[in-house]
C-alpha atoms as a PDB file:
ATOM      1  CA  MET A   1     116.188  64.374  80.853  1.00  0.00           C
ATOM      2  CA  SER A   2     119.402  65.432  82.585  1.00  0.00           C
ATOM      3  CA  GLN A   3     118.941  67.307  85.838  1.00  0.00           C
ATOM      4  CA  PRO A   4     121.261  70.293  86.470  1.00  0.00           C
ATOM      5  CA  PHE A   5     120.012  70.650  90.076  1.00  0.00           C
ATOM      6  CA  ASN A   6     120.246  67.785  92.551  1.00  0.00           C
ATOM      7  CA  LEU A   7     116.973  67.347  94.401  1.00  0.00           C
ATOM      8  CA  PHE A   8     117.458  66.382  98.041  1.00  0.00           C
ATOM      9  CA  ALA A   9     114.411  67.254 100.182  1.00  0.00           C
ATOM     10  CA  VAL A  10     110.709  67.318  99.304  1.00  0.00           C
ATOM     11  CA  GLY A  11     107.606  68.405 101.198  1.00  0.00           C
ATOM     12  CA  PHE A  12     104.154  66.964 100.449  1.00  0.00           C
ATOM     13  CA  GLU A  13     101.264  69.038 101.803  1.00  0.00           C
ATOM     14  CA  LEU A  14      98.869  66.081 101.776  1.00  0.00           C
ATOM     15  CA  THR A  15      95.806  68.059 102.823  1.00  0.00           C
ATOM     16  CA  THR A  16      94.746  71.395 104.263  1.00  0.00           C
ATOM     17  CA  ALA A  17      92.219  69.640 106.533  1.00  0.00           C
ATOM     18  CA  CYS A  18      93.109  70.292 110.172  1.00  0.00           C
ATOM     19  CA  PRO A  19      91.353  70.188 113.564  1.00  0.00           C
ATOM     20  CA  CYS A  20      93.186  73.355 114.650  1.00  0.00           C
ATOM     21  CA  HIS A  21      92.598  76.944 113.647  1.00  0.00           C
ATOM     22  CA  CYS A  22      96.016  78.389 114.405  1.00  0.00           C
ATOM     23  CA  VAL A  23      96.349  82.149 114.345  1.00  0.00           C
ATOM     24  CA  THR A  24      99.887  81.711 112.986  1.00  0.00           C
ATOM     25  CA  CYS A  25      99.062  79.181 110.221  1.00  0.00           C
ATOM     26  CA  GLY A  26     100.906  80.163 107.060  1.00  0.00           C
ATOM     27  CA  SER A  27      98.780  77.921 104.838  1.00  0.00           C
ATOM     28  CA  ASP A  28      95.438  79.034 106.346  1.00  0.00           C
ATOM     29  CA  ALA A  29      94.580  75.364 106.933  1.00  0.00           C
ATOM     30  CA  GLY A  30      91.316  74.046 108.360  1.00  0.00           C
ATOM     31  CA  SER A  31      89.069  72.871 105.543  1.00  0.00           C
ATOM     32  CA  ARG A  32      90.080  70.413 102.857  1.00  0.00           C
ATOM     33  CA  ARG A  33      90.562  71.791  99.330  1.00  0.00           C
ATOM     34  CA  SER A  34      87.997  70.522  96.832  1.00  0.00           C
ATOM     35  CA  ASP A  35      90.670  69.483  94.317  1.00  0.00           C
ATOM     36  CA  GLU A  36      93.223  67.709  96.485  1.00  0.00           C
ATOM     37  CA  LEU A  37      95.412  64.959  95.038  1.00  0.00           C
ATOM     38  CA  ASP A  38      94.313  61.418  95.841  1.00  0.00           C
ATOM     39  CA  THR A  39      96.555  58.640  97.116  1.00  0.00           C
ATOM     40  CA  ASP A  40      97.416  57.292  93.662  1.00  0.00           C
ATOM     41  CA  GLU A  41      98.438  60.751  92.508  1.00  0.00           C
ATOM     42  CA  TRP A  42     100.698  61.155  95.520  1.00  0.00           C
ATOM     43  CA  LEU A  43     102.243  57.725  94.952  1.00  0.00           C
ATOM     44  CA  LYS A  44     103.120  58.863  91.436  1.00  0.00           C
ATOM     45  CA  GLN A  45     104.936  61.835  92.948  1.00  0.00           C
ATOM     46  CA  VAL A  46     106.810  59.592  95.390  1.00  0.00           C
ATOM     47  CA  ARG A  47     108.139  57.605  92.435  1.00  0.00           C
ATOM     48  CA  ALA A  48     108.998  60.843  90.635  1.00  0.00           C
ATOM     49  CA  ILE A  49     111.047  62.310  93.475  1.00  0.00           C
ATOM     50  CA  ALA A  50     112.868  59.002  93.990  1.00  0.00           C
ATOM     51  CA  GLN A  51     113.704  58.985  90.279  1.00  0.00           C
ATOM     52  CA  LEU A  52     115.013  62.546  90.622  1.00  0.00           C
ATOM     53  CA  GLY A  53     117.356  61.378  93.387  1.00  0.00           C
ATOM     54  CA  ALA A  54     115.639  62.851  96.456  1.00  0.00           C
ATOM     55  CA  LYS A  55     116.737  61.551  99.857  1.00  0.00           C
ATOM     56  CA  ARG A  56     114.169  63.062 102.231  1.00  0.00           C
ATOM     57  CA  LEU A  57     110.381  63.353 102.181  1.00  0.00           C
ATOM     58  CA  CYS A  58     108.301  65.263 104.716  1.00  0.00           C
ATOM     59  CA  LEU A  59     104.535  64.677 104.933  1.00  0.00           C
ATOM     60  CA  LEU A  60     102.622  67.646 106.304  1.00  0.00           C
ATOM     61  CA  GLY A  61      99.416  69.637 106.046  1.00  0.00           C
ATOM     62  CA  GLY A  62      97.087  70.768 107.478  1.00  0.00           C
ATOM     63  CA  GLU A  63      97.042  67.569 109.456  1.00  0.00           C
ATOM     64  CA  PRO A  64      98.521  64.674 107.429  1.00  0.00           C
ATOM     65  CA  PHE A  65      96.902  62.047 109.679  1.00  0.00           C
ATOM     66  CA  LEU A  66      93.560  63.243 108.247  1.00  0.00           C
ATOM     67  CA  PHE A  67      94.651  62.082 104.788  1.00  0.00           C
ATOM     68  CA  SER A  68      93.634  58.439 104.575  1.00  0.00           C
ATOM     69  CA  GLY A  69      96.544  57.327 102.388  1.00  0.00           C
ATOM     70  CA  TRP A  70      99.382  58.846 104.396  1.00  0.00           C
ATOM     71  CA  ALA A  71     100.800  55.496 105.564  1.00  0.00           C
ATOM     72  CA  THR A  72     100.732  54.035 102.047  1.00  0.00           C
ATOM     73  CA  ILE A  73     102.640  57.071 100.787  1.00  0.00           C
ATOM     74  CA  ALA A  74     105.153  56.868 103.635  1.00  0.00           C
ATOM     75  CA  ARG A  75     105.682  53.147 103.055  1.00  0.00           C
ATOM     76  CA  LEU A  76     106.410  53.575  99.357  1.00  0.00           C
ATOM     77  CA  GLY A  77     108.853  56.357 100.144  1.00  0.00           C
ATOM     78  CA  HIS A  78     110.602  54.120 102.658  1.00  0.00           C
ATOM     79  CA  ASP A  79     110.716  51.223 100.193  1.00  0.00           C
ATOM     80  CA  LEU A  80     112.282  53.492  97.560  1.00  0.00           C
ATOM     81  CA  GLY A  81     115.053  54.514  99.949  1.00  0.00           C
ATOM     82  CA  LEU A  82     113.721  57.862 101.186  1.00  0.00           C
ATOM     83  CA  ASP A  83     113.949  59.040 104.781  1.00  0.00           C
ATOM     84  CA  VAL A  84     110.306  59.904 105.511  1.00  0.00           C
ATOM     85  CA  ASP A  85     109.083  62.071 108.364  1.00  0.00           C
ATOM     86  CA  LEU A  86     105.693  63.542 109.244  1.00  0.00           C
ATOM     87  CA  ILE A  87     104.561  66.712 111.020  1.00  0.00           C
ATOM     88  CA  SER A  88     101.347  66.547 113.080  1.00  0.00           C
ATOM     89  CA  CYS A  89      99.379  68.787 115.445  1.00  0.00           C
ATOM     90  CA  GLY A  90      98.897  65.800 117.781  1.00  0.00           C
ATOM     91  CA  ILE A  91      95.106  66.108 118.083  1.00  0.00           C
ATOM     92  CA  ASN A  92      93.015  62.901 118.072  1.00  0.00           C
ATOM     93  CA  VAL A  93      95.997  60.687 117.284  1.00  0.00           C
ATOM     94  CA  GLY A  94      94.958  57.144 118.117  1.00  0.00           C
ATOM     95  CA  SER A  95      96.863  53.896 118.617  1.00  0.00           C
ATOM     96  CA  ASP A  96      96.113  52.920 115.011  1.00  0.00           C
ATOM     97  CA  ALA A  97      98.209  55.877 113.828  1.00  0.00           C
ATOM     98  CA  ILE A  98     101.103  54.795 116.037  1.00  0.00           C
ATOM     99  CA  GLU A  99     101.035  51.256 114.651  1.00  0.00           C
ATOM    100  CA  ALA A 100     100.731  52.571 111.084  1.00  0.00           C
ATOM    101  CA  ALA A 101     103.693  54.884 111.676  1.00  0.00           C
ATOM    102  CA  LYS A 102     105.826  51.959 112.832  1.00  0.00           C
ATOM    103  CA  GLN A 103     104.805  49.799 109.885  1.00  0.00           C
ATOM    104  CA  SER A 104     105.309  52.582 107.342  1.00  0.00           C
ATOM    105  CA  GLY A 105     108.951  53.121 108.229  1.00  0.00           C
ATOM    106  CA  LEU A 106     108.770  56.744 109.370  1.00  0.00           C
ATOM    107  CA  VAL A 107     112.185  57.855 110.617  1.00  0.00           C
ATOM    108  CA  TRP A 108     110.766  60.805 112.600  1.00  0.00           C
ATOM    109  CA  ILE A 109     107.450  62.192 113.678  1.00  0.00           C
ATOM    110  CA  THR A 110     107.365  65.854 114.629  1.00  0.00           C
ATOM    111  CA  PHE A 111     104.618  67.516 116.646  1.00  0.00           C
ATOM    112  CA  SER A 112     103.832  71.221 116.594  1.00  0.00           C
ATOM    113  CA  VAL A 113     103.858  72.749 120.086  1.00  0.00           C
ATOM    114  CA  ASP A 114     103.620  76.523 120.259  1.00  0.00           C
ATOM    115  CA  GLY A 115     104.358  77.524 123.831  1.00  0.00           C
ATOM    116  CA  THR A 116     103.183  76.144 127.160  1.00  0.00           C
ATOM    117  CA  GLU A 117      99.552  75.238 127.764  1.00  0.00           C
ATOM    118  CA  GLN A 118      97.796  78.600 127.864  1.00  0.00           C
ATOM    119  CA  VAL A 119      99.705  80.113 124.943  1.00  0.00           C
ATOM    120  CA  HIS A 120      99.584  76.942 122.847  1.00  0.00           C
ATOM    121  CA  GLU A 121      95.818  76.602 123.179  1.00  0.00           C
ATOM    122  CA  ARG A 122      95.178  80.277 122.553  1.00  0.00           C
ATOM    123  CA  GLN A 123      97.258  80.227 119.376  1.00  0.00           C
ATOM    124  CA  ARG A 124      95.907  76.894 118.117  1.00  0.00           C
ATOM    125  CA  GLY A 125      92.278  77.319 119.081  1.00  0.00           C
ATOM    126  CA  VAL A 126      91.748  73.841 120.574  1.00  0.00           C
ATOM    127  CA  ARG A 127      90.875  73.438 124.250  1.00  0.00           C
ATOM    128  CA  GLY A 128      92.784  70.472 125.673  1.00  0.00           C
ATOM    129  CA  GLY A 129      95.150  70.539 122.704  1.00  0.00           C
ATOM    130  CA  TYR A 130      98.292  70.975 124.791  1.00  0.00           C
ATOM    131  CA  ARG A 131      97.729  67.898 126.923  1.00  0.00           C
ATOM    132  CA  ALA A 132      96.723  65.979 123.799  1.00  0.00           C
ATOM    133  CA  VAL A 133      99.957  66.752 121.973  1.00  0.00           C
ATOM    134  CA  LEU A 134     102.126  65.977 125.022  1.00  0.00           C
ATOM    135  CA  ASP A 135     100.276  62.670 125.359  1.00  0.00           C
ATOM    136  CA  ALA A 136     100.923  61.938 121.671  1.00  0.00           C
ATOM    137  CA  ILE A 137     104.633  62.641 122.181  1.00  0.00           C
ATOM    138  CA  ARG A 138     104.725  60.208 125.118  1.00  0.00           C
ATOM    139  CA  ARG A 139     102.864  57.446 123.281  1.00  0.00           C
ATOM    140  CA  PHE A 140     104.964  57.659 120.117  1.00  0.00           C
ATOM    141  CA  ASP A 141     108.145  57.727 122.213  1.00  0.00           C
ATOM    142  CA  GLU A 142     107.016  54.678 124.194  1.00  0.00           C
ATOM    143  CA  ALA A 143     106.331  52.915 120.896  1.00  0.00           C
ATOM    144  CA  GLY A 144     109.989  53.361 119.951  1.00  0.00           C
ATOM    145  CA  LEU A 145     109.612  56.110 117.363  1.00  0.00           C
ATOM    146  CA  LYS A 146     111.877  59.150 117.200  1.00  0.00           C
ATOM    147  CA  VAL A 147     109.835  62.169 118.253  1.00  0.00           C
ATOM    148  CA  GLY A 148     110.643  65.813 117.629  1.00  0.00           C
ATOM    149  CA  VAL A 149     108.854  69.118 118.178  1.00  0.00           C
ATOM    150  CA  THR A 150     108.629  72.296 116.130  1.00  0.00           C
ATOM    151  CA  THR A 151     107.769  75.576 117.848  1.00  0.00           C
ATOM    152  CA  GLN A 152     106.911  78.923 116.320  1.00  0.00           C
ATOM    153  CA  LEU A 153     108.812  81.872 117.707  1.00  0.00           C
ATOM    154  CA  ASN A 154     106.678  84.914 118.326  1.00  0.00           C
ATOM    155  CA  ARG A 155     106.029  87.422 121.094  1.00  0.00           C
ATOM    156  CA  GLU A 156     103.784  85.037 123.038  1.00  0.00           C
ATOM    157  CA  THR A 157     105.815  81.845 122.705  1.00  0.00           C
ATOM    158  CA  LEU A 158     109.318  83.232 123.377  1.00  0.00           C
ATOM    159  CA  PRO A 159     108.767  83.848 127.141  1.00  0.00           C
ATOM    160  CA  THR A 160     107.524  80.251 127.578  1.00  0.00           C
ATOM    161  CA  LEU A 161     110.522  78.445 126.090  1.00  0.00           C
ATOM    162  CA  ASP A 162     112.369  77.651 129.341  1.00  0.00           C
ATOM    163  CA  ARG A 163     109.345  75.930 130.868  1.00  0.00           C
ATOM    164  CA  LEU A 164     108.395  74.371 127.548  1.00  0.00           C
ATOM    165  CA  ALA A 165     111.839  72.768 127.240  1.00  0.00           C
ATOM    166  CA  GLU A 166     111.310  70.966 130.546  1.00  0.00           C
ATOM    167  CA  GLU A 167     107.850  69.726 129.621  1.00  0.00           C
ATOM    168  CA  LEU A 168     108.854  68.547 126.149  1.00  0.00           C
ATOM    169  CA  GLN A 169     111.857  66.701 127.543  1.00  0.00           C
ATOM    170  CA  ALA A 170     109.725  65.020 130.198  1.00  0.00           C
ATOM    171  CA  ALA A 171     107.264  63.912 127.515  1.00  0.00           C
ATOM    172  CA  GLY A 172     110.018  62.189 125.501  1.00  0.00           C
ATOM    173  CA  ALA A 173     110.914  64.608 122.697  1.00  0.00           C
ATOM    174  CA  ILE A 174     114.508  64.228 121.487  1.00  0.00           C
ATOM    175  CA  GLY A 175     114.534  67.023 118.883  1.00  0.00           C
ATOM    176  CA  TRP A 176     113.259  70.603 119.075  1.00  0.00           C
ATOM    177  CA  GLN A 177     113.170  73.009 116.154  1.00  0.00           C
ATOM    178  CA  LEU A 178     112.471  76.741 116.446  1.00  0.00           C
ATOM    179  CA  GLN A 179     111.162  78.812 113.543  1.00  0.00           C
ATOM    180  CA  LEU A 180     110.026  82.410 113.253  1.00  0.00           C
ATOM    181  CA  THR A 181     106.336  83.125 112.827  1.00  0.00           C
ATOM    182  CA  MET A 182     106.155  84.808 109.429  1.00  0.00           C
ATOM    183  CA  PRO A 183     103.499  87.298 108.264  1.00  0.00           C
ATOM    184  CA  LEU A 184     101.944  84.702 105.964  1.00  0.00           C
ATOM    185  CA  GLY A 185      98.446  83.204 105.823  1.00  0.00           C
ATOM    186  CA  ARG A 186      96.439  83.853 109.004  1.00  0.00           C
ATOM    187  CA  ALA A 187      99.504  85.321 110.704  1.00  0.00           C
ATOM    188  CA  GLU A 188      99.086  88.367 108.457  1.00  0.00           C
ATOM    189  CA  GLN A 189      96.034  89.195 110.579  1.00  0.00           C
ATOM    190  CA  HIS A 190      98.092  89.094 113.792  1.00  0.00           C
ATOM    191  CA  PRO A 191     101.039  91.469 113.347  1.00  0.00           C
ATOM    192  CA  GLU A 192     101.174  91.914 117.115  1.00  0.00           C
ATOM    193  CA  LEU A 193     102.679  88.412 117.362  1.00  0.00           C
ATOM    194  CA  VAL A 194     105.377  88.750 114.711  1.00  0.00           C
ATOM    195  CA  PHE A 195     108.844  89.913 115.730  1.00  0.00           C
ATOM    196  CA  LEU A 196     110.218  92.881 113.829  1.00  0.00           C
ATOM    197  CA  PRO A 197     113.685  92.572 112.252  1.00  0.00           C
ATOM    198  CA  HIS A 198     115.333  94.848 114.823  1.00  0.00           C
ATOM    199  CA  GLU A 199     114.233  92.426 117.573  1.00  0.00           C
ATOM    200  CA  SER A 200     116.358  89.562 116.186  1.00  0.00           C
ATOM    201  CA  GLN A 201     119.163  90.121 118.681  1.00  0.00           C
ATOM    202  CA  SER A 202     116.910  89.717 121.713  1.00  0.00           C
ATOM    203  CA  VAL A 203     115.366  86.567 120.196  1.00  0.00           C
ATOM    204  CA  PHE A 204     118.808  85.119 119.572  1.00  0.00           C
ATOM    205  CA  SER A 205     119.969  85.812 123.098  1.00  0.00           C
ATOM    206  CA  VAL A 206     117.208  83.520 124.379  1.00  0.00           C
ATOM    207  CA  ILE A 207     118.026  80.821 121.820  1.00  0.00           C
ATOM    208  CA  ARG A 208     121.736  80.884 122.651  1.00  0.00           C
ATOM    209  CA  ARG A 209     121.007  80.458 126.332  1.00  0.00           C
ATOM    210  CA  LEU A 210     118.678  77.526 125.675  1.00  0.00           C
ATOM    211  CA  VAL A 211     121.201  75.820 123.409  1.00  0.00           C
ATOM    212  CA  GLY A 212     123.478  75.538 126.426  1.00  0.00           C
ATOM    213  CA  ARG A 213     120.951  73.669 128.588  1.00  0.00           C
ATOM    214  CA  ARG A 214     121.370  70.004 129.524  1.00  0.00           C
ATOM    215  CA  GLY A 215     119.043  67.519 127.888  1.00  0.00           C
ATOM    216  CA  LEU A 216     116.686  68.714 125.191  1.00  0.00           C
ATOM    217  CA  ARG A 217     118.029  71.808 123.487  1.00  0.00           C
ATOM    218  CA  PRO A 218     116.609  73.657 120.484  1.00  0.00           C
ATOM    219  CA  TYR A 219     118.060  74.223 117.052  1.00  0.00           C
ATOM    220  CA  ILE A 220     117.012  76.872 114.574  1.00  0.00           C
ATOM    221  CA  THR A 221     115.456  76.372 111.184  1.00  0.00           C
ATOM    222  CA  ASP A 222     116.192  78.252 107.986  1.00  0.00           C
ATOM    223  CA  ASN A 223     114.132  81.384 108.547  1.00  0.00           C
ATOM    224  CA  LEU A 224     116.440  83.081 111.045  1.00  0.00           C
ATOM    225  CA  GLY A 225     120.169  83.577 111.487  1.00  0.00           C
ATOM    226  CA  TYR A 226     122.680  83.863 109.713  1.00  0.00           C
ATOM    227  CA  MET A 227     126.421  83.241 109.312  1.00  0.00           C
ATOM    228  CA  THR A 228     127.561  83.776 112.906  1.00  0.00           C
ATOM    229  CA  ALA A 229     130.493  81.882 114.378  1.00  0.00           C
ATOM    230  CA  ASP A 230     128.124  79.657 116.365  1.00  0.00           C
ATOM    231  CA  ASP A 231     125.791  79.023 113.432  1.00  0.00           C
ATOM    232  CA  PRO A 232     126.771  75.314 113.144  1.00  0.00           C
ATOM    233  CA  VAL A 233     125.821  74.709 116.781  1.00  0.00           C
ATOM    234  CA  LEU A 234     122.593  76.708 116.590  1.00  0.00           C
ATOM    235  CA  ARG A 235     121.464  75.075 113.348  1.00  0.00           C
ATOM    236  CA  THR A 236     122.349  71.435 113.990  1.00  0.00           C
ATOM    237  CA  PRO A 237     119.604  68.945 114.975  1.00  0.00           C
ATOM    238  CA  PRO A 238     120.403  66.225 117.525  1.00  0.00           C
ATOM    239  CA  MET A 239     122.296  63.182 116.307  1.00  0.00           C
ATOM    240  CA  CYS A 240     123.359  64.981 113.110  1.00  0.00           C
ATOM    241  CA  PRO A 241     126.730  66.202 111.833  1.00  0.00           C
ATOM    242  CA  GLU A 242     127.187  69.931 112.258  1.00  0.00           C
ATOM    243  CA  ARG A 243     125.744  72.080 109.502  1.00  0.00           C
ATOM    244  CA  CYS A 244     125.621  75.777 108.792  1.00  0.00           C
ATOM    245  CA  TRP A 245     123.554  78.089 106.634  1.00  0.00           C
ATOM    246  CA  CYS A 246     124.434  77.643 102.951  1.00  0.00           C
ATOM    247  CA  GLY A 247     121.784  79.841 101.408  1.00  0.00           C
ATOM    248  CA  CYS A 248     118.142  79.210 100.530  1.00  0.00           C
ATOM    249  CA  GLN A 249     117.852  75.808  98.827  1.00  0.00           C
ATOM    250  CA  ALA A 250     114.350  76.272  97.373  1.00  0.00           C
ATOM    251  CA  GLY A 251     114.443  75.210  93.736  1.00  0.00           C
ATOM    252  CA  LEU A 252     118.083  74.156  94.061  1.00  0.00           C
ATOM    253  CA  ARG A 253     117.884  71.111  96.342  1.00  0.00           C
ATOM    254  CA  SER A 254     114.328  71.266  97.690  1.00  0.00           C
ATOM    255  CA  VAL A 255     110.788  71.444  96.368  1.00  0.00           C
ATOM    256  CA  GLY A 256     107.267  71.347  97.783  1.00  0.00           C
ATOM    257  CA  ILE A 257     103.950  70.157  96.368  1.00  0.00           C
ATOM    258  CA  THR A 258     100.679  71.549  97.706  1.00  0.00           C
ATOM    259  CA  SER A 259      97.608  69.401  98.256  1.00  0.00           C
ATOM    260  CA  CYS A 260      96.191  70.447  94.876  1.00  0.00           C
ATOM    261  CA  GLY A 261      99.440  69.721  93.021  1.00  0.00           C
ATOM    262  CA  ASN A 262     101.053  73.145  92.791  1.00  0.00           C
ATOM    263  CA  VAL A 263     104.852  73.099  92.857  1.00  0.00           C
ATOM    264  CA  LYS A 264     106.965  75.619  94.764  1.00  0.00           C
ATOM    265  CA  GLY A 265     110.606  75.629  95.723  1.00  0.00           C
ATOM    266  CA  CYS A 266     109.408  75.743  99.344  1.00  0.00           C
ATOM    267  CA  LEU A 267     105.906  75.341 100.746  1.00  0.00           C
ATOM    268  CA  SER A 268     106.376  78.512 102.803  1.00  0.00           C
ATOM    269  CA  LEU A 269     106.650  80.633  99.666  1.00  0.00           C
ATOM    270  CA  PRO A 270     103.597  82.665  98.603  1.00  0.00           C
ATOM    271  CA  ASP A 271     101.398  81.430  95.763  1.00  0.00           C
ATOM    272  CA  SER A 272     102.952  83.991  93.441  1.00  0.00           C
ATOM    273  CA  MET A 273     105.970  81.635  93.403  1.00  0.00           C
ATOM    274  CA  ILE A 274     104.104  78.601  91.974  1.00  0.00           C
ATOM    275  CA  GLU A 275     106.201  77.042  89.192  1.00  0.00           C
ATOM    276  CA  GLY A 276     103.633  74.609  87.759  1.00  0.00           C
ATOM    277  CA  ASN A 277     101.205  71.845  88.660  1.00  0.00           C
ATOM    278  CA  VAL A 278     101.878  68.104  88.584  1.00  0.00           C
ATOM    279  CA  ARG A 279      98.486  67.466  86.976  1.00  0.00           C
ATOM    280  CA  ASP A 280      99.512  69.573  83.991  1.00  0.00           C
ATOM    281  CA  GLU A 281     103.174  68.557  83.708  1.00  0.00           C
ATOM    282  CA  SER A 282     105.375  65.908  85.241  1.00  0.00           C
ATOM    283  CA  LEU A 283     107.470  66.907  88.221  1.00  0.00           C
ATOM    284  CA  GLU A 284     110.530  65.947  86.180  1.00  0.00           C
ATOM    285  CA  GLN A 285     109.550  68.528  83.547  1.00  0.00           C
ATOM    286  CA  ILE A 286     108.957  71.240  86.124  1.00  0.00           C
ATOM    287  CA  TRP A 287     112.153  70.535  88.048  1.00  0.00           C
ATOM    288  CA  GLY A 288     114.228  70.102  84.903  1.00  0.00           C
ATOM    289  CA  ASP A 289     113.190  73.416  83.384  1.00  0.00           C
ATOM    290  CA  THR A 290     116.119  75.692  84.213  1.00  0.00           C
ATOM    291  CA  SER A 291     114.045  78.809  83.570  1.00  0.00           C
ATOM    292  CA  ARG A 292     111.924  78.154  86.667  1.00  0.00           C
ATOM    293  CA  PHE A 293     112.752  78.874  90.334  1.00  0.00           C
ATOM    294  CA  GLY A 294     114.514  81.964  89.007  1.00  0.00           C
ATOM    295  CA  TYR A 295     114.882  83.682  92.409  1.00  0.00           C
ATOM    296  CA  ASN A 296     117.556  81.074  93.199  1.00  0.00           C
ATOM    297  CA  ARG A 297     118.603  79.520  89.907  1.00  0.00           C
ATOM    298  CA  ALA A 298     119.167  82.906  88.282  1.00  0.00           C
ATOM    299  CA  TYR A 299     120.340  84.592  91.468  1.00  0.00           C
ATOM    300  CA  SER A 300     122.352  87.787  91.082  1.00  0.00           C
ATOM    301  CA  GLN A 301     124.113  89.780  93.784  1.00  0.00           C
ATOM    302  CA  ALA A 302     122.429  92.829  92.283  1.00  0.00           C
ATOM    303  CA  THR A 303     119.231  91.784  94.080  1.00  0.00           C
ATOM    304  CA  LEU A 304     120.826  91.943  97.548  1.00  0.00           C
ATOM    305  CA  SER A 305     119.860  94.605 100.065  1.00  0.00           C
ATOM    306  CA  ALA A 306     122.463  97.261 100.800  1.00  0.00           C
ATOM    307  CA  GLY A 307     123.520  95.557 104.025  1.00  0.00           C
ATOM    308  CA  CYS A 308     123.757  92.129 102.415  1.00  0.00           C
ATOM    309  CA  ALA A 309     125.689  93.561  99.465  1.00  0.00           C
ATOM    310  CA  ARG A 310     128.414  94.761 101.847  1.00  0.00           C
ATOM    311  CA  CYS A 311     128.651  91.441 103.724  1.00  0.00           C
ATOM    312  CA  GLN A 312     131.766  89.345 103.087  1.00  0.00           C
ATOM    313  CA  LEU A 313     129.685  86.159 103.218  1.00  0.00           C
ATOM    314  CA  ASN A 314     126.947  87.145 100.780  1.00  0.00           C
ATOM    315  CA  SER A 315     128.090  84.683  98.117  1.00  0.00           C
ATOM    316  CA  VAL A 316     127.130  81.855 100.493  1.00  0.00           C
ATOM    317  CA  CYS A 317     124.158  83.349 102.341  1.00  0.00           C
ATOM    318  CA  ARG A 318     122.543  85.166  99.376  1.00  0.00           C
ATOM    319  CA  GLY A 319     120.315  87.228 101.659  1.00  0.00           C
ATOM    320  CA  GLY A 320     118.854  84.550 103.929  1.00  0.00           C
ATOM    321  CA  CYS A 321     115.481  82.814 103.722  1.00  0.00           C
ATOM    322  CA  THR A 322     113.538  83.685 100.562  1.00  0.00           C
ATOM    323  CA  SER A 323     110.152  83.198 102.251  1.00  0.00           C
ATOM    324  CA  VAL A 324     110.984  85.585 105.098  1.00  0.00           C
ATOM    325  CA  SER A 325     112.415  88.146 102.726  1.00  0.00           C
ATOM    326  CA  LEU A 326     109.396  88.085 100.398  1.00  0.00           C
ATOM    327  CA  THR A 327     106.777  88.191 103.145  1.00  0.00           C
ATOM    328  CA  THR A 328     108.588  90.921 105.059  1.00  0.00           C
ATOM    329  CA  THR A 329     109.992  93.175 102.325  1.00  0.00           C
ATOM    330  CA  GLY A 330     108.285  92.012  99.118  1.00  0.00           C
ATOM    331  CA  LYS A 331     111.660  91.150  97.573  1.00  0.00           C
ATOM    332  CA  PRO A 332     114.037  88.165  97.778  1.00  0.00           C
ATOM    333  CA  ASN A 333     117.608  88.366  99.098  1.00  0.00           C
ATOM    334  CA  GLN A 334     117.049  91.180 101.607  1.00  0.00           C
ATOM    335  CA  GLY A 335     118.105  89.401 104.824  1.00  0.00           C
ATOM    336  CA  PRO A 336     115.724  91.323 107.121  1.00  0.00           C
ATOM    337  CA  TYR A 337     116.316  89.096 110.174  1.00  0.00           C
ATOM    338  CA  CYS A 338     120.079  88.671 109.813  1.00  0.00           C
ATOM    339  CA  VAL A 339     121.660  88.993 113.258  1.00  0.00           C
ATOM    340  CA  ARG A 340     125.113  89.331 111.708  1.00  0.00           C
ATOM    341  CA  LEU A 341     124.111  92.586 110.002  1.00  0.00           C
ATOM    342  CA  GLN A 342     122.598  93.823 113.254  1.00  0.00           C
ATOM    343  CA  GLY A 343     125.925  93.888 115.064  1.00  0.00           C
ATOM    344  CA  ASP A 344     126.460  90.322 116.287  1.00  0.00           C
ATOM    345  CA  ALA A 345     129.941  91.176 117.539  1.00  0.00           C
ATOM    346  CA  PRO A 346     130.316  88.506 120.290  1.00  0.00           C
ATOM    347  CA  ASN A 347     130.027  85.678 117.775  1.00  0.00           C
ATOM    348  CA  ASP A 348     131.187  87.401 114.599  1.00  0.00           C
END
């Protein structure tokens, strides 16, 4: 079957089991689903994405280290030419996991750290969790693995970022990604944490200042921006060529598979955006069906918000992150957190 869309990046939600109970968890993780894919089923999907031409695979959860076959999956991905990374909460990560990570060929391991100690532990619900994750960063760094951090941006974490940068750098992190807390999953029950669209400018002023620091500096992920003159600098991870926002890639170049086999263009999308299940159809069939992932594959400028419709760069941006737009406005292509539309004159 010919593929009209070139798959590049894939996310495997191996399990929803997790030792944390984060108030901002978009997937409402904690307990394992009763119908999760087993290791052999995941290995089948690794072969499928390699056949479809994917280059990157991210293993996540929940807590992927709680899935017994994670290293086998990572190793097959590596052997098939994929760059494989893993995102962990850093709780109860033993030396066996470090050795398995080295043997499996992981190119990165990323730990979730949401603010300095008091804020992190309040949001994640695990006493001692902050010291545990910093210790995991140190031990993986000492073992020679590339270690990054992802941090949720919300009203509690934003004031901690200056101090957090120092502590992450001292622990050995060499990459630091910032992403907005979205009103999804358990975060829906905590609207007091979620920034409102009109607050984007103040959030960006903090990010821009931090990007200028020596040593570890953050970069932004796909759920905030967009299209400012300094976008390539703000959006570029360390040791990577500069990149800028080129529109939501869900269903165009990326796909995610949940722990029970549901397929979405992005794992952050709500369940209303499920396109099929790999137990019912092959991933090749789902991906190759041009009628699916319609929010991107059948995109029309008619769906843009009024502000986005007037923007000169809307043909590239297409209204920002689909997940943010859907969870905030109920519609795709609305660009609610676009700092350009909110008068970003200094960098416009």
